[in-house]
Protein backbone atom coordinates (compact mmCIF):
# COMPACT_ATOMS: atom_id res chain seq x y z
CA VAL A 1 -4.80 -1.14 -19.38
CA LEU A 2 -3.19 -0.05 -22.48
CA VAL A 3 0.44 0.52 -22.29
CA ARG A 4 2.21 2.30 -25.13
CA GLN A 5 5.84 3.54 -25.59
CA ASN A 6 6.76 6.12 -28.34
CA ALA A 7 9.74 4.58 -29.94
CA THR A 8 11.50 8.11 -30.62
CA THR A 9 11.08 9.59 -27.32
CA TYR A 10 10.35 6.26 -25.36
CA GLU A 11 7.51 8.00 -23.51
CA ILE A 12 5.23 5.58 -22.04
CA SER A 13 1.50 6.51 -21.72
CA LEU A 14 -1.31 4.54 -19.82
CA THR A 15 -5.19 4.45 -20.76
CA GLN A 16 -8.15 2.71 -19.67
CA VAL A 17 -10.34 3.65 -22.51
CA ASP A 18 -11.39 -0.05 -23.32
CA TYR A 19 -12.20 -0.78 -19.91
CA ILE A 20 -14.05 2.48 -18.96
CA GLN A 21 -16.25 2.32 -21.86
CA LYS A 22 -17.69 -1.23 -20.93
CA VAL A 23 -18.97 0.08 -17.65
CA LYS A 24 -22.42 0.34 -17.71
CA PRO A 25 -24.52 3.27 -15.80
CA LEU A 26 -26.88 2.51 -13.26
CA THR A 27 -30.44 2.03 -13.75
CA VAL A 28 -32.77 3.06 -11.08
CA LYS A 29 -36.58 2.40 -10.81
CA ARG A 30 -38.52 5.56 -10.43
CA LYS A 31 -40.64 5.27 -7.35
CA GLU A 32 -40.87 8.59 -5.58
CA LYS A 33 -43.65 11.14 -6.70
CA PRO A 34 -42.43 14.52 -8.48
CA ASN A 35 -42.69 16.57 -5.25
CA GLU A 36 -40.83 14.20 -2.97
CA GLY A 37 -36.94 14.23 -2.61
CA PRO A 38 -34.56 11.25 -3.28
CA ARG A 39 -35.23 7.79 -1.95
CA PRO A 40 -33.07 5.09 -0.45
CA LEU A 41 -32.11 2.32 -3.08
CA ASP A 42 -33.57 -0.89 -2.82
CA PRO A 43 -31.25 -3.79 -2.48
CA GLY A 44 -30.64 -4.70 -5.88
CA GLU A 45 -29.99 -1.09 -6.74
CA LEU A 46 -27.63 -0.84 -3.86
CA ARG A 47 -25.84 -3.96 -5.44
CA GLN A 48 -25.65 -2.24 -8.90
CA TYR A 49 -24.38 0.87 -7.17
CA MET A 50 -21.58 -0.92 -5.18
CA GLY A 51 -20.86 -2.54 -8.35
CA LEU A 52 -20.35 0.54 -10.40
CA ILE A 53 -18.29 2.14 -7.62
CA GLY A 54 -15.99 -0.83 -7.81
CA ALA A 55 -15.89 -0.75 -11.50
CA MET A 56 -14.92 2.86 -11.18
CA GLN A 57 -12.51 2.48 -8.43
CA TRP A 58 -9.96 0.31 -10.27
CA PRO A 59 -9.08 2.99 -12.88
CA ALA A 60 -8.92 5.92 -10.28
CA ALA A 61 -6.26 3.93 -8.33
CA GLN A 62 -4.26 2.96 -11.35
CA SER A 63 -4.31 5.71 -14.19
CA MET A 64 -7.01 8.11 -13.43
CA PRO A 65 -6.35 10.35 -10.65
CA HIS A 66 -9.05 12.87 -11.67
CA GLY A 67 -11.59 10.20 -10.41
CA ALA A 68 -10.25 9.37 -6.93
CA ALA A 69 -11.89 11.95 -4.86
CA SER A 70 -15.32 11.51 -6.11
CA ILE A 71 -14.95 7.44 -5.94
CA SER A 72 -13.99 7.67 -2.36
CA LEU A 73 -16.81 9.82 -1.57
CA PHE A 74 -19.34 7.63 -3.17
CA GLN A 75 -17.94 4.65 -1.21
CA ALA A 76 -18.32 6.66 2.07
CA LYS A 77 -22.09 6.53 0.84
CA SER A 78 -22.56 2.99 0.27
CA LYS A 79 -24.91 2.12 3.19
CA GLY A 80 -27.39 5.09 2.79
CA ALA A 81 -27.13 5.52 -0.90
CA THR A 82 -30.04 7.19 -2.50
CA THR A 83 -31.47 7.76 -5.87
CA ALA A 84 -29.46 11.09 -6.01
CA ASP A 85 -26.26 9.44 -5.18
CA ALA A 86 -26.95 7.16 -8.33
CA THR A 87 -27.40 9.95 -10.32
CA GLU A 88 -24.21 11.49 -9.34
CA ALA A 89 -22.36 8.23 -9.75
CA ASN A 90 -23.75 7.88 -13.37
CA LYS A 91 -22.56 11.42 -13.91
CA THR A 92 -19.13 10.48 -12.48
CA LEU A 93 -19.04 7.51 -14.89
CA ARG A 94 -19.90 9.73 -17.99
CA PHE A 95 -16.89 12.09 -16.72
CA LEU A 96 -14.59 9.10 -16.81
CA LYS A 97 -15.65 8.02 -20.06
CA GLU A 98 -15.12 11.36 -21.65
CA ASN A 99 -11.57 11.90 -20.24
CA ALA A 100 -10.60 8.41 -20.44
CA VAL A 101 -8.46 9.31 -23.93
CA ILE A 102 -6.22 11.52 -21.52
CA PRO A 103 -3.36 9.17 -21.10
CA MET A 104 -1.16 9.30 -17.64
CA LYS A 105 2.39 10.00 -19.11
CA PHE A 106 5.57 9.00 -18.13
CA SER A 107 8.37 10.74 -19.93
CA LYS A 108 12.04 11.83 -19.52
CA ILE A 109 11.65 15.06 -18.06
CA VAL A 110 15.37 15.16 -16.76
CA ASP A 111 18.48 15.04 -18.70
CA GLU A 112 21.90 13.76 -17.40
CA ASP A 113 23.20 17.06 -16.95
CA ASN A 114 20.05 18.37 -15.03
CA ASP A 115 18.95 17.48 -11.42
CA PHE A 116 15.44 16.56 -10.65
CA ARG A 117 13.03 17.56 -8.03
CA LEU A 118 10.03 15.88 -6.25
CA GLY A 119 6.98 18.08 -5.34
CA VAL A 120 3.28 17.63 -3.99
CA TYR A 121 -0.03 19.41 -4.29
CA THR A 122 -2.57 18.66 -1.50
CA ASP A 123 -5.93 19.62 -0.66
CA ALA A 124 -8.76 19.19 1.91
CA SER A 125 -12.49 19.69 2.23
CA TRP A 126 -13.75 19.88 5.64
CA ALA A 127 -16.90 17.86 7.08
CA SER A 128 -17.68 17.00 3.42
CA ARG A 129 -18.36 13.25 3.90
CA PRO A 130 -21.76 12.00 4.95
CA ASP A 131 -20.54 11.44 8.66
CA SER A 132 -19.18 14.82 8.43
CA SER A 133 -15.70 13.74 8.25
CA SER A 134 -12.99 15.49 6.15
CA GLN A 135 -11.58 14.43 2.54
CA GLY A 136 -8.14 14.75 1.74
CA GLY A 137 -5.80 14.15 -1.15
CA TYR A 138 -2.16 14.47 -2.77
CA TYR A 139 -0.40 14.11 -5.83
CA VAL A 140 3.10 13.46 -5.83
CA PHE A 141 5.16 14.31 -8.83
CA LEU A 142 8.71 14.54 -10.41
CA PHE A 143 9.99 17.66 -12.43
CA ASP A 144 13.41 19.10 -13.38
CA GLN A 145 15.51 21.65 -11.82
CA GLY A 146 14.11 24.44 -14.39
CA GLY A 147 10.77 24.15 -12.38
CA MET A 148 12.38 25.91 -9.57
CA ASP A 149 12.44 29.33 -11.25
CA GLY A 150 8.84 29.53 -12.20
CA GLN A 151 8.99 28.20 -15.59
CA ALA A 152 6.26 26.19 -16.83
CA ARG A 153 7.44 22.30 -17.07
CA PRO A 154 5.90 19.03 -17.26
CA LEU A 155 5.36 17.15 -14.19
CA MET A 156 5.41 12.98 -14.13
CA CYS A 157 2.98 11.86 -11.60
CA LEU A 158 4.63 9.32 -9.08
CA ASP A 159 1.46 8.84 -6.43
CA TRP A 160 -1.74 10.23 -5.60
CA GLY A 161 -4.70 9.37 -3.59
CA SER A 162 -7.83 10.85 -1.91
CA ARG A 163 -9.66 9.60 1.31
CA LYS A 164 -11.09 10.29 4.59
CA LEU A 165 -9.21 12.00 6.73
CA PRO A 166 -8.15 9.61 9.84
CA ARG A 167 -8.91 12.39 12.60
CA VAL A 168 -11.93 14.80 13.18
CA CYS A 169 -11.20 17.94 12.15
CA ARG A 170 -12.64 21.13 13.73
CA SER A 171 -11.91 23.78 11.20
CA SER A 172 -11.00 23.92 7.44
CA LEU A 173 -7.36 24.58 8.72
CA SER A 174 -7.19 21.47 10.71
CA ALA A 175 -8.61 19.52 7.65
CA GLU A 176 -5.60 21.33 5.32
CA SER A 177 -3.01 20.56 7.91
CA GLN A 178 -4.00 16.81 8.39
CA ALA A 179 -3.93 16.31 4.36
CA CYS A 180 -0.62 18.32 4.05
CA ALA A 181 0.81 15.98 6.89
CA THR A 182 -0.37 12.91 5.08
CA ALA A 183 0.75 14.45 1.73
CA VAL A 184 4.53 15.23 2.84
CA ASP A 185 4.69 11.45 4.37
CA ARG A 186 3.76 10.20 0.82
CA LEU A 187 6.67 12.59 -0.48
CA GLU A 188 9.01 11.27 1.68
CA TRP A 189 8.15 7.71 0.99
CA CYS A 190 8.97 8.45 -2.86
CA VAL A 191 11.91 10.25 -1.99
CA ASN A 192 13.17 7.01 0.15
CA ILE A 193 12.40 4.70 -2.79
CA MET A 194 14.24 6.79 -5.12
CA VAL A 195 17.57 7.43 -3.15
């Protein structure tokens, strides 16, 4: 992780450009016929697939929240991965490489006279995983008081995650509610460590 601090504004930025650029894409031997669909990965290809997912998981957990959902979904497919999954994993790697220069920033967004607020975004996708379970995610952030009146304000990320929801959901509303409950729990955790 490359950590830089601006000498004037004291803003800290994190990037993982060097790391992600060194990650190699999967190479899959073509064994299916043109009219056939994707085939299961052989044991050697599956090891490569798991290695690639592990290599992308670390930056997604440390400084690239825009990769968290995709990586979680790939991990769910690890046992029955196909050539189509390998192609999608390579596309995700390309996306992370193209966006690796976008830093995660930690800046002074609250003055001594201003009060700060914590907020959370949350979302879920119903029955989107291979076992028909649901995926949920959250993004906890800090912003200044001015953001409460509808003005555009910078946000500072404090916590994020995207993973399988622990309970079976029978509807989209159920998945959204469960993801929201998880997000509020993470928001309360952030509040408690800041008090």
